[in-house]
Protein backbone atom coordinates (compact mmCIF):
# COMPACT_ATOMS: atom_id res chain seq x y z
CA MET A 1 -0.38 -0.12 0.16
CA ASP A 2 1.48 3.41 -1.53
CA LYS A 3 2.34 5.76 2.06
CA PRO A 4 0.31 9.32 1.74
CA LEU A 5 3.28 11.92 1.08
CA HIS A 6 3.65 13.45 4.46
CA VAL A 7 4.31 9.88 6.10
CA ALA A 8 6.79 9.63 2.31
CA ALA A 9 9.11 12.73 2.98
CA ALA A 10 9.34 12.08 6.89
CA ASP A 11 10.87 8.67 5.88
CA LEU A 12 12.75 10.07 4.26
CA LEU A 13 14.05 13.01 6.29
CA ALA A 14 15.04 9.93 8.31
CA GLN A 15 17.08 8.57 6.15
CA SER A 16 18.87 10.98 5.09
CA SER A 17 19.46 11.63 8.37
CA ASP A 18 21.15 8.56 8.78
CA ASP A 19 22.98 9.02 5.92
CA ALA A 20 24.44 12.36 5.87
CA ILE A 21 26.57 11.30 8.64
CA ILE A 22 30.58 12.94 8.00
CA ASP A 23 32.91 9.75 6.81
CA GLU A 24 36.19 11.46 7.85
CA ALA A 25 37.79 12.91 11.17
CA LEU A 26 37.42 16.79 10.74
CA THR A 27 39.97 18.86 11.10
CA VAL A 28 40.08 22.68 12.15
CA SER A 29 41.51 24.07 8.61
CA ASP A 30 37.81 21.71 7.42
CA TRP A 31 35.49 23.93 9.50
CA VAL A 32 37.24 27.37 8.91
CA GLN A 33 36.86 26.25 4.90
CA ALA A 34 33.38 26.12 5.10
CA GLY A 35 33.23 28.33 7.82
CA ILE A 36 34.46 30.73 5.02
CA ILE A 37 31.97 29.73 2.08
CA VAL A 38 29.04 30.19 4.35
CA ALA A 39 30.15 34.03 4.46
CA ALA A 40 31.30 34.17 0.92
CA THR A 41 27.94 33.21 -0.02
CA VAL A 42 25.64 35.19 2.36
CA VAL A 43 27.81 37.97 1.12
CA ALA A 44 27.04 36.64 -3.06
CA SER A 45 23.53 36.81 -2.10
CA VAL A 46 24.02 40.04 -0.11
CA VAL A 47 25.08 41.28 -3.97
CA VAL A 48 22.95 38.90 -6.03
CA ALA A 49 19.36 40.43 -4.43
CA ARG A 50 20.38 44.24 -4.93
CA LEU A 51 21.12 43.69 -8.92
CA VAL A 52 18.16 41.57 -9.19
CA ARG A 53 16.43 44.70 -7.41
CA ARG A 54 17.89 47.41 -9.46
CA VAL A 55 17.92 45.24 -12.79
CA LEU A 56 13.90 44.96 -12.47
CA ALA A 57 13.33 48.09 -11.45
CA HIS A 58 14.15 49.50 -15.14
CA VAL A 59 11.82 46.21 -16.42
CA VAL A 60 8.86 46.01 -14.11
CA GLY A 61 9.12 48.83 -12.17
CA SER A 62 10.02 48.58 -7.94
CA GLY A 63 6.93 46.43 -7.18
CA PHE A 64 6.39 43.29 -5.80
CA ALA A 65 7.67 41.36 -8.70
CA ALA A 66 11.17 43.34 -8.24
CA ILE A 67 11.39 42.36 -4.68
CA VAL A 68 10.39 38.67 -4.95
CA THR A 69 12.41 37.82 -8.10
CA ALA A 70 15.78 39.04 -6.10
CA ARG A 71 15.06 37.67 -2.69
CA LEU A 72 14.03 33.88 -5.08
CA ALA A 73 17.89 34.51 -6.59
CA ALA A 74 19.83 35.37 -3.27
CA TYR A 75 18.06 32.56 -1.98
CA LEU A 76 19.08 30.02 -4.86
CA VAL A 77 23.23 31.56 -4.54
CA PHE A 78 22.33 31.20 -0.09
CA LEU A 79 21.60 27.02 -0.81
CA VAL A 80 24.13 26.53 -3.67
CA GLY A 81 26.51 28.29 -1.24
CA LEU A 82 25.10 25.66 1.74
CA PHE A 83 25.29 22.91 -0.15
CA TYR A 84 28.89 23.40 -0.99
CA ALA A 85 30.41 24.01 2.39
CA LEU A 86 27.80 20.47 3.42
CA THR A 87 30.29 18.69 0.97
CA SER A 88 32.95 20.10 1.77
CA LEU A 89 32.62 18.95 5.41
CA GLY A 90 31.79 15.81 4.03
CA VAL A 91 28.46 15.30 4.60
CA GLN A 92 26.18 13.88 2.10
CA VAL A 93 23.83 16.25 0.70
CA GLY A 94 21.45 13.90 -2.19
CA PRO A 95 19.47 12.42 0.32
CA LEU A 96 18.49 15.33 1.68
CA ILE A 97 17.65 17.49 -0.98
CA GLY A 98 15.48 14.40 -2.38
CA ALA A 99 13.64 14.58 1.84
CA ILE A 100 13.73 18.71 0.80
CA GLY A 101 11.55 18.61 -3.37
CA LEU A 102 9.38 16.13 -1.70
CA GLY A 103 8.62 17.82 1.38
CA GLY A 104 8.07 20.94 -0.93
CA LEU A 105 6.52 19.53 -2.57
CA VAL A 106 3.75 18.60 0.25
CA LEU A 107 3.87 22.01 1.35
CA ALA A 108 2.99 23.04 -2.16
CA LEU A 109 0.00 20.55 -2.20
CA ALA A 110 -1.10 22.22 0.72
CA LEU A 111 -0.48 25.57 -0.04
CA GLN A 112 -2.66 25.15 -3.54
CA LYS A 113 -4.67 29.02 -3.66
CA LEU A 114 -1.80 30.55 -1.58
CA VAL A 115 0.96 29.88 -4.12
CA GLU A 116 -1.55 30.64 -7.16
CA ASN A 117 -2.12 33.76 -5.96
CA PHE A 118 1.89 34.58 -5.11
CA PHE A 119 2.71 33.63 -9.14
CA SER A 120 0.11 35.37 -10.33
CA GLY A 121 1.13 38.00 -8.81
CA LEU A 122 4.74 37.72 -10.21
CA ILE A 123 2.48 38.01 -13.78
CA LEU A 124 0.49 40.57 -13.21
CA GLN A 125 3.94 43.08 -12.17
CA ALA A 126 5.81 41.36 -15.49
CA ARG A 127 2.59 41.99 -17.74
CA ARG A 128 1.45 44.83 -16.01
CA PRO A 129 -1.77 45.41 -17.34
CA PHE A 130 -2.19 48.35 -14.44
CA ARG A 131 0.10 49.83 -12.11
CA VAL A 132 -0.25 51.39 -9.05
CA GLY A 133 -2.21 54.40 -9.22
CA ASP A 134 -4.35 53.75 -12.08
CA THR A 135 -8.15 53.60 -12.49
CA ALA A 136 -9.36 49.34 -12.69
CA LEU A 137 -12.04 47.65 -13.32
CA LEU A 138 -11.36 43.94 -11.96
CA GLY A 139 -14.68 41.75 -12.58
CA ASP A 140 -16.39 43.72 -9.66
CA HIS A 141 -15.12 46.03 -8.10
CA LEU A 142 -13.68 48.97 -9.08
CA GLY A 143 -10.86 51.31 -8.32
CA VAL A 144 -7.68 53.06 -7.80
CA VAL A 145 -4.66 50.46 -7.53
CA VAL A 146 -2.71 51.48 -4.40
CA ASP A 147 -0.55 47.72 -4.61
CA ILE A 148 -0.10 44.22 -5.44
CA ASP A 149 1.22 42.62 -2.88
CA SER A 150 2.76 38.61 -2.59
CA ARG A 151 -1.97 37.40 -2.11
CA THR A 152 -3.73 40.06 -3.87
CA THR A 153 -4.09 43.76 -5.76
CA VAL A 154 -5.41 46.17 -3.73
CA LEU A 155 -8.12 48.53 -4.52
CA ARG A 156 -9.13 52.00 -3.26
CA GLY A 157 -12.82 52.17 -3.89
CA LEU A 158 -14.12 55.72 -4.77
CA ASP A 159 -16.34 55.62 -1.76
CA GLY A 160 -12.85 55.58 0.25
CA SER A 161 -13.10 52.24 0.92
CA ALA A 162 -9.50 49.24 0.48
CA VAL A 163 -10.56 46.56 -1.40
CA ARG A 164 -8.03 43.74 -1.25
CA VAL A 165 -9.27 41.13 -4.79
CA PRO A 166 -6.68 37.38 -5.48
CA ASN A 167 -4.32 37.92 -7.05
CA SER A 168 -5.28 35.11 -8.98
CA GLU A 169 -9.38 35.83 -10.08
CA VAL A 170 -7.81 39.41 -11.42
CA ALA A 171 -5.32 36.82 -14.03
CA ALA A 172 -7.82 34.76 -15.34
CA GLY A 173 -10.86 37.39 -15.30
CA PRO A 174 -11.65 40.52 -17.25
CA ILE A 175 -8.76 43.70 -16.70
CA VAL A 176 -10.02 47.06 -17.94
CA ASN A 177 -7.95 49.76 -17.01
CA LEU A 178 -9.78 52.91 -17.16
CA THR A 179 -6.41 55.59 -17.51
CA SER A 180 -4.42 53.79 -19.33
CA GLU A 181 -4.79 56.46 -22.14
CA THR A 182 -5.13 60.13 -21.63
CA LEU A 183 -8.55 61.09 -22.61
CA ARG A 184 -11.67 58.52 -22.17
CA ARG A 185 -15.66 58.53 -23.74
CA SER A 186 -18.92 59.15 -22.40
CA GLU A 187 -22.41 58.53 -24.10
CA LEU A 188 -25.31 60.45 -23.31
CA GLU A 189 -29.21 60.50 -24.60
CA VAL A 190 -31.47 62.95 -24.89
CA GLY A 191 -34.86 63.05 -26.28
CA VAL A 192 -36.17 65.43 -27.62
CA ALA A 193 -40.37 65.47 -28.89
CA TYR A 194 -41.84 64.34 -32.06
CA ASP A 195 -42.75 67.49 -33.09
CA THR A 196 -39.10 69.20 -33.17
CA ASN A 197 -37.11 70.43 -35.84
CA LEU A 198 -34.64 67.92 -35.77
CA GLN A 199 -31.87 69.97 -37.77
CA ALA A 200 -32.85 73.33 -35.18
CA ALA A 201 -31.58 70.22 -31.93
CA ALA A 202 -28.49 68.99 -33.52
CA GLN A 203 -27.60 72.47 -33.52
CA CYS A 204 -27.72 73.51 -29.35
CA LEU A 205 -26.48 70.09 -28.36
CA ALA A 206 -23.46 70.41 -30.63
CA GLU A 207 -23.40 74.10 -28.98
CA ALA A 208 -24.46 73.15 -26.04
CA LEU A 209 -21.06 70.36 -25.59
CA GLU A 210 -18.74 73.29 -27.38
CA ARG A 211 -18.89 75.33 -24.54
CA VAL A 212 -18.29 72.69 -21.66
CA GLU A 213 -14.17 73.36 -20.65
CA ARG A 214 -14.12 70.10 -19.84
CA VAL A 215 -14.92 67.80 -23.05
CA SER A 216 -11.88 67.59 -25.42
CA ALA A 217 -12.13 69.85 -28.95
CA HIS A 218 -10.65 66.56 -30.18
CA PRO A 219 -11.36 64.35 -30.60
CA PRO A 220 -14.45 66.63 -31.35
CA ALA A 221 -17.87 65.69 -29.79
CA GLN A 222 -20.52 64.68 -31.78
CA ALA A 223 -24.16 64.74 -31.03
CA LEU A 224 -26.23 61.91 -33.82
CA LEU A 225 -29.83 60.97 -33.78
CA THR A 226 -29.91 56.96 -32.69
CA ARG A 227 -33.51 56.19 -32.69
CA PHE A 228 -37.18 56.60 -31.70
CA GLY A 229 -38.11 56.80 -28.72
CA SER A 230 -41.73 55.10 -27.23
CA SER A 231 -42.49 59.05 -26.92
CA SER A 232 -38.93 60.85 -27.33
CA ILE A 233 -37.18 61.08 -30.82
CA ASP A 234 -33.25 60.14 -29.43
CA PHE A 235 -30.32 61.09 -29.74
CA THR A 236 -26.77 59.81 -28.37
CA LEU A 237 -23.74 62.35 -27.03
CA TYR A 238 -20.38 60.53 -28.40
CA TYR A 239 -18.00 63.81 -26.15
CA TRP A 240 -13.89 62.69 -24.73
CA HIS A 241 -13.27 63.79 -21.21
CA GLY A 242 -10.11 63.54 -18.91
CA SER A 243 -9.43 59.27 -18.09
CA ASP A 244 -9.52 59.98 -14.37
CA VAL A 245 -13.40 58.95 -12.69
CA PRO A 246 -13.65 62.18 -10.73
CA THR A 247 -13.35 64.25 -14.22
CA GLU A 248 -15.54 61.77 -16.05
CA LEU A 249 -18.25 62.83 -13.85
CA ALA A 250 -17.88 66.25 -13.71
CA ALA A 251 -17.68 66.24 -17.78
CA ARG A 252 -21.29 64.90 -17.51
CA HIS A 253 -22.86 66.85 -14.63
CA ASP A 254 -21.21 69.84 -16.93
CA VAL A 255 -22.76 68.32 -20.50
CA ILE A 256 -26.47 68.14 -18.31
CA LEU A 257 -26.08 71.81 -17.22
CA SER A 258 -25.27 73.14 -20.86
CA VAL A 259 -28.21 70.84 -22.69
CA HIS A 260 -30.56 72.10 -20.56
CA GLN A 261 -29.21 75.67 -20.04
CA SER A 262 -29.79 75.54 -24.61
CA PHE A 263 -33.19 73.28 -24.53
CA ALA A 264 -34.41 76.37 -22.94
CA ALA A 265 -33.38 79.09 -24.08
CA ALA A 266 -34.13 77.62 -27.73
CA GLY A 267 -37.61 76.94 -27.36
CA ILE A 268 -36.65 73.25 -27.54
CA THR A 269 -38.37 70.52 -24.92
CA ILE A 270 -36.77 67.42 -24.16
CA ALA A 271 -38.91 64.14 -23.85
CA PHE A 272 -40.20 62.96 -21.23
CA PRO A 273 -42.91 59.60 -21.05
CA GLN A 274 -46.59 60.31 -21.39
CA VAL A 275 -49.60 59.14 -22.13
CA VAL A 276 -52.20 60.42 -23.85
CA VAL A 277 -56.12 60.38 -22.51
CA TRP A 278 -58.76 60.28 -25.10
CA ALA A 279 -61.95 61.19 -23.80
CA GLY A 280 -64.61 59.94 -26.45
CA GLU A 281 -65.85 62.74 -27.90
CA ASN A 282 -64.82 61.36 -31.17
CA GLU A 283 -66.82 58.34 -30.57
CA ASP A 284 -68.87 56.74 -33.36
CA THR A 285 -72.22 55.51 -32.16
CA GLN A 286 -73.80 53.91 -34.86
CA PRO A 287 -70.81 52.33 -37.09
CA TYR A 288 -72.90 50.24 -39.37
CA SER A 289 -74.92 52.93 -39.98
CA GLY A 290 -78.23 52.18 -38.28
CA SER A 291 -79.68 49.11 -39.80
CA ALA A 292 -78.49 45.77 -39.66
CA GLY A 293 -78.56 43.31 -42.37
CA ALA A 294 -78.36 40.14 -44.33
CA ILE A 295 -75.21 38.27 -42.98
CA PRO A 296 -73.76 36.97 -46.29
CA SER A 297 -70.98 33.57 -46.14
CA VAL A 298 -68.43 34.11 -46.05
CA PRO A 299 -66.39 31.21 -48.53
CA THR A 300 -65.18 27.96 -47.46
CA PRO A 301 -61.40 27.65 -46.23
CA SER A 302 -60.16 24.97 -49.18
CA THR A 303 -59.99 20.83 -48.46
CA PRO A 304 -57.86 19.04 -50.38
CA PRO A 305 -58.69 16.43 -53.50
CA SER A 306 -60.53 13.46 -53.15
CA ALA A 307 -58.94 9.76 -53.82
CA PRO A 308 -60.10 9.42 -57.41
CA PRO A 309 -63.71 6.58 -57.66
CA ALA A 310 -61.36 3.33 -59.32
CA LEU A 311 -59.00 3.74 -55.67
CA VAL A 312 -61.66 4.26 -54.03
CA ARG A 313 -63.55 0.74 -55.80
CA GLN A 314 -60.11 -0.95 -55.59
CA LEU A 315 -59.99 0.19 -52.07
CA SER A 316 -63.43 -1.12 -51.14
CA ARG A 317 -62.51 -4.98 -52.58
CA TRP A 318 -59.52 -5.28 -50.83
CA ARG A 319 -61.07 -5.06 -47.44
CA LEU A 320 -64.02 -7.25 -48.66
CA ARG A 321 -61.83 -9.53 -49.46
CA ARG A 322 -59.67 -9.65 -45.69
CA ARG A 323 -63.25 -10.27 -44.65
CA HIS A 324 -63.64 -13.17 -45.87
CA GLN A 325 -59.88 -14.39 -45.34
């Protein structure tokens, strides 16, 4: 029967402790040599960590990815130097390496979700779909990116709340970076009454958009007819503004105010849902001219053609023959 992973790891560790013995007597020079190797390894790991972090700071930024990668490089250098020092002392490190590898596998399975979030954070730092300070929509969460740590992406919501989204969900889901560009387009629907001069209304809307300072002149804003509504003919205003959310909200406020002022000055009615009530003054009380005449017969629906007489006689003979049998 196969042993569980944690039991096998324990057995291998016990075996490695029996095998990892010193076969020969050690001298003072051997211990000094091992100590020098360990000290040099520590220095080398610190230097490698600083170099890796400095290089990655220019490539992916001085964030979580640079810090973690630098630490991993330092740990790798330290482990190599430590194993070399143990080998110089005559310690058998082969069984020890196998036990460490199996123990690492058990630990990775136990901490699968944490490991997934960790590597997702590295991917986000390397691919950089957003940076700290960007306004991003991560799934259902909208806010300013504050930090990317080993487990979560931290957002500051528009209401000031702190939102932590697991890195695995961020990497696997849709990412909308609202501030990756300096300008962003918004839309606003405006409906006018059916008896409105549409050309005059379109000109009035264009002038209203030109008066708003927060609306960018390039690309130019547009006011286009889009549909016949149930109570109005609808325009859709397309205008560009600064990409951050506060500017978007302020620009929408200014556009609505400008459109309302322009329509009020031009005497154009902004349509709203209406219900027409009919009082029945024009009701026709004599729809049949006050007389009841004969009811004509309506044509009957056509029927499929009947079977030919010869075929009917043949079927009758066949039925009689079946009865006598």
